[in-house]
């Protein structure tokens, strides 16, 4: 996906939180041509993992983002994560089997949250100034 041209140095959007969801939001806004400032109250990446699973549709979205070295972010994460074909979801008693889905990613990818945040931060850094992370 091509990046829209920016015409203004002002921030278009302020994203609250520099976790995986906030950094992905900033990256997707960047793809759309919006400048985002990521505001995170922590002064360094978390070492806790609250968001360790990526689902098939999330991985499909991540194919839109380049990793800055010719790869897609989805490829970077796949190389570093563990593919789980069936797992429990949201406390449901039965295993959720994703092998029948119409997707190139028929599994859940698990990996530490800090690694996912790092991949998104590298993307944003490579884009040069489309984001800022400042403790608040």
N, C-alpha and C. Protein backbone atom coordinates (compact mmCIF):
# COMPACT_ATOMS: atom_id res chain seq x y z
N UNK A 1 0.84 -1.17 0.00
CA UNK A 1 0.00 0.00 0.00
C UNK A 1 0.89 1.23 0.00
N UNK A 2 0.58 2.18 -0.84
CA UNK A 2 1.35 3.42 -0.91
C UNK A 2 0.96 4.34 0.24
N UNK A 3 1.87 5.21 0.61
CA UNK A 3 1.61 6.17 1.67
C UNK A 3 1.14 7.47 1.04
N UNK A 4 0.09 8.05 1.58
CA UNK A 4 -0.41 9.32 1.08
C UNK A 4 0.61 10.42 1.40
N UNK A 5 0.67 11.41 0.55
CA UNK A 5 1.60 12.52 0.74
C UNK A 5 1.13 13.44 1.86
N UNK A 6 2.05 13.86 2.71
CA UNK A 6 1.71 14.79 3.78
C UNK A 6 1.95 16.21 3.30
N UNK A 7 1.04 17.09 3.63
CA UNK A 7 1.18 18.48 3.21
C UNK A 7 1.35 19.44 4.37
N UNK A 8 1.28 18.94 5.60
CA UNK A 8 1.29 19.81 6.76
C UNK A 8 2.11 19.17 7.87
N UNK A 9 2.84 19.97 8.64
CA UNK A 9 3.66 19.43 9.72
C UNK A 9 2.87 19.24 11.01
N UNK A 10 1.66 19.80 11.11
CA UNK A 10 0.87 19.66 12.33
C UNK A 10 0.37 18.22 12.48
N UNK A 11 0.20 17.80 13.72
CA UNK A 11 -0.35 16.47 13.97
C UNK A 11 -1.84 16.48 13.64
N UNK A 12 -2.28 15.42 13.01
CA UNK A 12 -3.70 15.28 12.69
C UNK A 12 -4.45 14.55 13.79
N UNK A 13 -3.76 13.61 14.44
CA UNK A 13 -4.40 12.74 15.42
C UNK A 13 -3.45 12.53 16.59
N UNK A 14 -3.99 12.52 17.78
CA UNK A 14 -3.23 12.13 18.97
C UNK A 14 -3.73 10.76 19.37
N UNK A 15 -2.82 9.80 19.49
CA UNK A 15 -3.16 8.44 19.88
C UNK A 15 -2.76 8.27 21.33
N UNK A 16 -3.72 7.87 22.16
CA UNK A 16 -3.46 7.67 23.59
C UNK A 16 -3.01 6.24 23.82
N UNK A 17 -1.75 6.07 24.20
CA UNK A 17 -1.21 4.76 24.53
C UNK A 17 -0.26 4.24 23.48
N UNK A 18 0.92 3.81 23.92
CA UNK A 18 1.95 3.31 23.02
C UNK A 18 2.10 1.81 23.06
N UNK A 19 1.02 1.10 23.37
CA UNK A 19 1.04 -0.36 23.31
C UNK A 19 0.80 -0.82 21.88
N UNK A 20 0.59 -2.11 21.67
CA UNK A 20 0.39 -2.60 20.31
C UNK A 20 -0.77 -1.92 19.56
N UNK A 21 -1.90 -1.71 20.24
CA UNK A 21 -3.04 -1.09 19.57
C UNK A 21 -2.76 0.36 19.20
N UNK A 22 -2.13 1.12 20.09
CA UNK A 22 -1.82 2.51 19.80
C UNK A 22 -0.80 2.66 18.69
N UNK A 23 0.26 1.85 18.74
CA UNK A 23 1.29 1.92 17.70
C UNK A 23 0.76 1.46 16.34
N UNK A 24 -0.08 0.42 16.33
CA UNK A 24 -0.68 -0.01 15.07
C UNK A 24 -1.61 1.07 14.53
N UNK A 25 -2.37 1.70 15.40
CA UNK A 25 -3.24 2.80 14.97
C UNK A 25 -2.42 3.90 14.31
N UNK A 26 -1.31 4.28 14.94
CA UNK A 26 -0.45 5.32 14.37
C UNK A 26 0.12 4.88 13.02
N UNK A 27 0.50 3.62 12.90
CA UNK A 27 1.04 3.11 11.63
C UNK A 27 -0.01 3.14 10.54
N UNK A 28 -1.23 2.73 10.86
CA UNK A 28 -2.30 2.74 9.86
C UNK A 28 -2.70 4.17 9.48
N UNK A 29 -2.66 5.08 10.43
CA UNK A 29 -2.90 6.49 10.12
C UNK A 29 -1.80 7.01 9.20
N UNK A 30 -0.57 6.59 9.43
CA UNK A 30 0.55 6.98 8.57
C UNK A 30 0.32 6.51 7.14
N UNK A 31 -0.14 5.27 6.98
CA UNK A 31 -0.42 4.74 5.64
C UNK A 31 -1.47 5.61 4.95
N UNK A 32 -2.42 6.12 5.73
CA UNK A 32 -3.49 6.95 5.17
C UNK A 32 -3.07 8.40 4.97
N UNK A 33 -1.85 8.75 5.39
CA UNK A 33 -1.34 10.10 5.18
C UNK A 33 -1.56 11.04 6.34
N UNK A 34 -2.04 10.53 7.47
CA UNK A 34 -2.25 11.38 8.64
C UNK A 34 -1.04 11.31 9.55
N UNK A 35 -0.71 12.44 10.16
CA UNK A 35 0.39 12.48 11.12
C UNK A 35 -0.18 12.22 12.50
N UNK A 36 0.40 11.27 13.20
CA UNK A 36 -0.09 10.89 14.52
C UNK A 36 0.98 11.07 15.57
N UNK A 37 0.58 11.58 16.72
CA UNK A 37 1.46 11.65 17.88
C UNK A 37 0.98 10.60 18.86
N UNK A 38 1.87 9.70 19.24
CA UNK A 38 1.55 8.66 20.21
C UNK A 38 1.96 9.16 21.58
N UNK A 39 1.01 9.27 22.47
CA UNK A 39 1.29 9.72 23.84
C UNK A 39 1.22 8.52 24.77
N UNK A 40 2.31 8.25 25.42
CA UNK A 40 2.42 7.09 26.32
C UNK A 40 2.94 7.59 27.65
N UNK A 41 2.29 7.20 28.74
CA UNK A 41 2.73 7.67 30.05
C UNK A 41 3.97 6.96 30.54
N UNK A 42 4.25 5.77 30.04
CA UNK A 42 5.46 5.04 30.43
C UNK A 42 6.68 5.62 29.73
N UNK A 43 7.83 5.52 30.36
CA UNK A 43 9.05 6.06 29.77
C UNK A 43 9.83 5.01 28.98
N UNK A 44 9.40 3.74 29.05
CA UNK A 44 10.07 2.69 28.28
C UNK A 44 9.04 1.60 27.95
N UNK A 45 9.35 0.77 26.97
CA UNK A 45 8.41 -0.28 26.60
C UNK A 45 8.11 -1.22 27.78
N UNK A 46 6.90 -1.72 27.81
CA UNK A 46 6.51 -2.64 28.88
C UNK A 46 7.19 -3.99 28.70
N UNK A 47 7.47 -4.64 29.80
CA UNK A 47 8.00 -6.01 29.74
C UNK A 47 6.92 -7.00 30.13
N UNK A 48 5.72 -6.50 30.41
CA UNK A 48 4.57 -7.38 30.65
C UNK A 48 3.96 -7.72 29.31
N UNK A 49 3.31 -8.86 29.25
CA UNK A 49 2.61 -9.23 28.03
C UNK A 49 1.13 -9.39 28.33
N UNK A 50 0.39 -8.38 27.93
CA UNK A 50 -1.06 -8.45 28.05
C UNK A 50 -1.66 -8.77 26.69
N UNK A 51 -0.96 -8.46 25.64
CA UNK A 51 -1.43 -8.71 24.28
C UNK A 51 -0.45 -9.62 23.58
N UNK A 52 -0.63 -10.93 23.74
CA UNK A 52 0.35 -11.88 23.19
C UNK A 52 -0.14 -12.59 21.94
N UNK A 53 -1.42 -12.45 21.60
CA UNK A 53 -1.97 -13.21 20.47
C UNK A 53 -2.39 -12.28 19.34
N UNK A 54 -2.07 -12.69 18.12
CA UNK A 54 -2.54 -11.99 16.92
C UNK A 54 -3.38 -12.96 16.11
N UNK A 55 -4.54 -12.51 15.75
CA UNK A 55 -5.49 -13.35 15.05
C UNK A 55 -5.34 -13.20 13.54
N UNK A 56 -5.91 -14.12 12.75
CA UNK A 56 -5.72 -14.11 11.30
C UNK A 56 -6.01 -12.78 10.63
N UNK A 57 -7.11 -12.15 10.96
CA UNK A 57 -7.46 -10.89 10.28
C UNK A 57 -6.48 -9.77 10.64
N UNK A 58 -5.95 -9.78 11.86
CA UNK A 58 -4.93 -8.79 12.23
C UNK A 58 -3.69 -8.99 11.36
N UNK A 59 -3.27 -10.23 11.18
CA UNK A 59 -2.10 -10.50 10.35
C UNK A 59 -2.34 -10.07 8.90
N UNK A 60 -3.57 -10.23 8.42
CA UNK A 60 -3.89 -9.76 7.07
C UNK A 60 -3.70 -8.25 6.96
N UNK A 61 -4.17 -7.50 7.97
CA UNK A 61 -4.00 -6.05 7.97
C UNK A 61 -2.52 -5.69 7.97
N UNK A 62 -1.72 -6.45 8.71
CA UNK A 62 -0.29 -6.15 8.83
C UNK A 62 0.49 -6.39 7.54
N UNK A 63 -0.11 -7.07 6.56
CA UNK A 63 0.56 -7.21 5.26
C UNK A 63 0.61 -5.87 4.52
N UNK A 64 -0.18 -4.88 4.98
CA UNK A 64 -0.18 -3.55 4.34
C UNK A 64 1.03 -2.72 4.73
N UNK A 65 1.71 -3.10 5.82
CA UNK A 65 2.78 -2.27 6.34
C UNK A 65 4.15 -2.86 6.03
N UNK A 66 4.98 -2.08 5.40
CA UNK A 66 6.34 -2.50 5.11
C UNK A 66 7.21 -2.39 6.35
N UNK A 67 8.18 -3.27 6.48
CA UNK A 67 9.07 -3.25 7.64
C UNK A 67 10.29 -2.37 7.42
N UNK A 68 10.39 -1.74 6.25
CA UNK A 68 11.51 -0.86 5.97
C UNK A 68 12.70 -1.56 5.34
N UNK A 69 12.65 -2.89 5.24
CA UNK A 69 13.76 -3.64 4.67
C UNK A 69 13.29 -4.57 3.55
N UNK A 70 12.16 -4.24 2.94
CA UNK A 70 11.62 -5.05 1.85
C UNK A 70 10.63 -6.11 2.32
N UNK A 71 10.57 -6.34 3.62
CA UNK A 71 9.60 -7.31 4.15
C UNK A 71 8.35 -6.57 4.62
N UNK A 72 7.31 -7.31 4.87
CA UNK A 72 6.09 -6.80 5.48
C UNK A 72 6.17 -7.00 6.99
N UNK A 73 5.51 -6.18 7.77
CA UNK A 73 5.52 -6.36 9.22
C UNK A 73 4.95 -7.72 9.58
N UNK A 74 3.94 -8.18 8.85
CA UNK A 74 3.39 -9.52 9.12
C UNK A 74 4.49 -10.58 9.01
N UNK A 75 5.36 -10.45 8.03
CA UNK A 75 6.45 -11.41 7.86
C UNK A 75 7.46 -11.36 9.00
N UNK A 76 7.76 -10.15 9.47
CA UNK A 76 8.68 -9.99 10.60
C UNK A 76 8.10 -10.68 11.83
N UNK A 77 6.83 -10.42 12.11
CA UNK A 77 6.19 -11.00 13.28
C UNK A 77 6.08 -12.52 13.16
N UNK A 78 5.77 -13.01 11.96
CA UNK A 78 5.67 -14.46 11.76
C UNK A 78 7.01 -15.14 12.01
N UNK A 79 8.09 -14.49 11.62
CA UNK A 79 9.41 -15.09 11.82
C UNK A 79 9.79 -15.16 13.29
N UNK A 80 9.21 -14.31 14.10
CA UNK A 80 9.58 -14.24 15.50
C UNK A 80 8.56 -14.86 16.44
N UNK A 81 7.37 -15.21 15.93
CA UNK A 81 6.31 -15.72 16.79
C UNK A 81 6.10 -17.21 16.66
N UNK A 82 5.10 -17.70 17.38
CA UNK A 82 4.76 -19.12 17.36
C UNK A 82 3.35 -19.27 16.83
N UNK A 83 3.17 -20.12 15.82
CA UNK A 83 1.86 -20.36 15.21
C UNK A 83 1.11 -21.42 16.01
N UNK A 84 -0.09 -21.09 16.42
CA UNK A 84 -0.94 -22.02 17.18
C UNK A 84 -2.18 -22.29 16.35
N UNK A 85 -2.38 -23.56 15.97
CA UNK A 85 -3.49 -23.90 15.09
C UNK A 85 -4.85 -23.87 15.78
N UNK A 86 -4.91 -24.30 17.02
CA UNK A 86 -6.18 -24.24 17.75
C UNK A 86 -5.90 -23.88 19.19
N UNK A 87 -6.76 -23.04 19.72
CA UNK A 87 -6.57 -22.58 21.10
C UNK A 87 -7.90 -22.13 21.67
N UNK A 88 -7.94 -21.97 22.96
CA UNK A 88 -9.14 -21.44 23.60
C UNK A 88 -9.22 -19.95 23.32
N UNK A 89 -10.43 -19.45 23.26
CA UNK A 89 -10.62 -18.03 23.00
C UNK A 89 -11.69 -17.49 23.95
N UNK A 90 -11.38 -16.41 24.61
CA UNK A 90 -12.33 -15.68 25.46
C UNK A 90 -13.04 -16.58 26.47
N UNK A 91 -12.33 -17.55 27.00
CA UNK A 91 -12.91 -18.40 28.02
C UNK A 91 -13.87 -19.46 27.51
N UNK A 92 -14.00 -19.59 26.20
CA UNK A 92 -14.89 -20.61 25.65
C UNK A 92 -14.32 -21.99 25.95
N UNK A 93 -15.17 -22.98 26.23
CA UNK A 93 -14.67 -24.29 26.63
C UNK A 93 -14.04 -25.09 25.48
N UNK A 94 -14.49 -24.87 24.25
CA UNK A 94 -13.97 -25.63 23.11
C UNK A 94 -12.80 -24.90 22.47
N UNK A 95 -11.90 -25.68 21.88
CA UNK A 95 -10.80 -25.08 21.14
C UNK A 95 -11.32 -24.44 19.86
N UNK A 96 -10.78 -23.30 19.51
CA UNK A 96 -11.14 -22.62 18.28
C UNK A 96 -10.13 -23.03 17.21
N UNK A 97 -10.60 -23.76 16.20
CA UNK A 97 -9.74 -24.25 15.13
C UNK A 97 -9.86 -23.30 13.94
N UNK A 98 -8.76 -22.70 13.55
CA UNK A 98 -8.78 -21.70 12.47
C UNK A 98 -8.32 -22.26 11.12
N UNK A 99 -8.05 -23.53 11.07
CA UNK A 99 -7.51 -24.12 9.82
C UNK A 99 -8.47 -24.03 8.65
N UNK A 100 -9.77 -23.89 8.88
CA UNK A 100 -10.74 -23.82 7.79
C UNK A 100 -11.01 -22.42 7.27
N UNK A 101 -10.36 -21.42 7.84
CA UNK A 101 -10.60 -20.04 7.41
C UNK A 101 -9.99 -19.76 6.05
N UNK A 102 -10.63 -18.89 5.30
CA UNK A 102 -10.13 -18.46 4.01
C UNK A 102 -9.14 -17.32 4.24
N UNK A 103 -7.92 -17.68 4.58
CA UNK A 103 -6.88 -16.70 4.90
C UNK A 103 -5.51 -17.34 4.71
N UNK A 104 -4.50 -16.55 4.41
CA UNK A 104 -3.15 -17.10 4.37
C UNK A 104 -2.58 -17.35 5.77
N UNK A 105 -3.34 -16.96 6.80
CA UNK A 105 -2.89 -17.09 8.19
C UNK A 105 -3.92 -17.87 9.00
N UNK A 106 -4.09 -19.17 8.77
CA UNK A 106 -5.11 -19.94 9.48
C UNK A 106 -4.66 -20.41 10.86
N UNK A 107 -4.21 -19.49 11.68
CA UNK A 107 -3.68 -19.80 13.01
C UNK A 107 -3.68 -18.53 13.84
N UNK A 108 -3.39 -18.68 15.11
CA UNK A 108 -3.15 -17.54 15.99
C UNK A 108 -1.63 -17.45 16.16
N UNK A 109 -1.10 -16.26 16.05
CA UNK A 109 0.32 -16.04 16.26
C UNK A 109 0.52 -15.53 17.68
N UNK A 110 1.38 -16.20 18.43
CA UNK A 110 1.68 -15.73 19.78
C UNK A 110 3.12 -15.25 19.84
N UNK A 111 3.31 -14.16 20.57
CA UNK A 111 4.64 -13.58 20.76
C UNK A 111 4.57 -12.56 21.87
N UNK A 112 5.69 -12.21 22.48
CA UNK A 112 5.67 -11.22 23.56
C UNK A 112 5.20 -9.85 23.06
N UNK A 113 4.46 -9.16 23.91
CA UNK A 113 3.94 -7.85 23.54
C UNK A 113 5.06 -6.88 23.18
N UNK A 114 6.15 -6.90 23.93
CA UNK A 114 7.23 -5.94 23.66
C UNK A 114 7.80 -6.13 22.26
N UNK A 115 7.83 -7.36 21.75
CA UNK A 115 8.34 -7.60 20.40
C UNK A 115 7.43 -7.02 19.34
N UNK A 116 6.13 -7.13 19.55
CA UNK A 116 5.17 -6.54 18.62
C UNK A 116 5.29 -5.02 18.64
N UNK A 117 5.36 -4.45 19.83
CA UNK A 117 5.53 -2.99 19.93
C UNK A 117 6.80 -2.54 19.23
N UNK A 118 7.87 -3.31 19.38
CA UNK A 118 9.15 -2.95 18.73
C UNK A 118 9.00 -2.95 17.21
N UNK A 119 8.33 -3.95 16.65
CA UNK A 119 8.16 -4.01 15.19
C UNK A 119 7.38 -2.80 14.68
N UNK A 120 6.33 -2.39 15.40
CA UNK A 120 5.57 -1.21 14.98
C UNK A 120 6.40 0.06 15.14
N UNK A 121 7.17 0.16 16.22
CA UNK A 121 8.00 1.34 16.44
C UNK A 121 9.08 1.47 15.36
N UNK A 122 9.67 0.35 14.95
CA UNK A 122 10.66 0.37 13.87
C UNK A 122 10.02 0.88 12.58
N UNK A 123 8.80 0.42 12.29
CA UNK A 123 8.08 0.90 11.11
C UNK A 123 7.91 2.42 11.18
N UNK A 124 7.41 2.90 12.31
CA UNK A 124 7.16 4.33 12.46
C UNK A 124 8.45 5.13 12.38
N UNK A 125 9.52 4.63 12.98
CA UNK A 125 10.82 5.31 12.90
C UNK A 125 11.29 5.40 11.45
N UNK A 126 11.12 4.32 10.70
CA UNK A 126 11.56 4.30 9.30
C UNK A 126 10.77 5.29 8.45
N UNK A 127 9.56 5.60 8.86
CA UNK A 127 8.74 6.55 8.11
C UNK A 127 9.17 7.99 8.36
N UNK A 128 10.01 8.20 9.37
CA UNK A 128 10.61 9.52 9.56
C UNK A 128 9.67 10.62 10.04
N UNK A 129 9.37 10.61 11.29
CA UNK A 129 8.67 11.76 11.85
C UNK A 129 7.16 11.68 11.83
N UNK A 130 6.58 10.56 11.45
CA UNK A 130 5.13 10.45 11.46
C UNK A 130 4.56 10.19 12.85
N UNK A 131 5.42 10.17 13.84
CA UNK A 131 4.94 9.90 15.19
C UNK A 131 5.93 10.43 16.20
N UNK A 132 5.48 10.56 17.40
CA UNK A 132 6.34 10.93 18.52
C UNK A 132 5.83 10.20 19.75
N UNK A 133 6.73 9.74 20.58
CA UNK A 133 6.31 9.08 21.80
C UNK A 133 6.84 9.88 22.96
N UNK A 134 5.94 10.44 23.72
CA UNK A 134 6.34 11.30 24.82
C UNK A 134 5.62 10.89 26.09
N UNK A 135 6.39 10.69 27.18
CA UNK A 135 5.73 10.39 28.46
C UNK A 135 4.80 11.54 28.86
N UNK A 136 3.63 11.20 29.36
CA UNK A 136 2.65 12.21 29.83
C UNK A 136 2.26 11.91 31.25
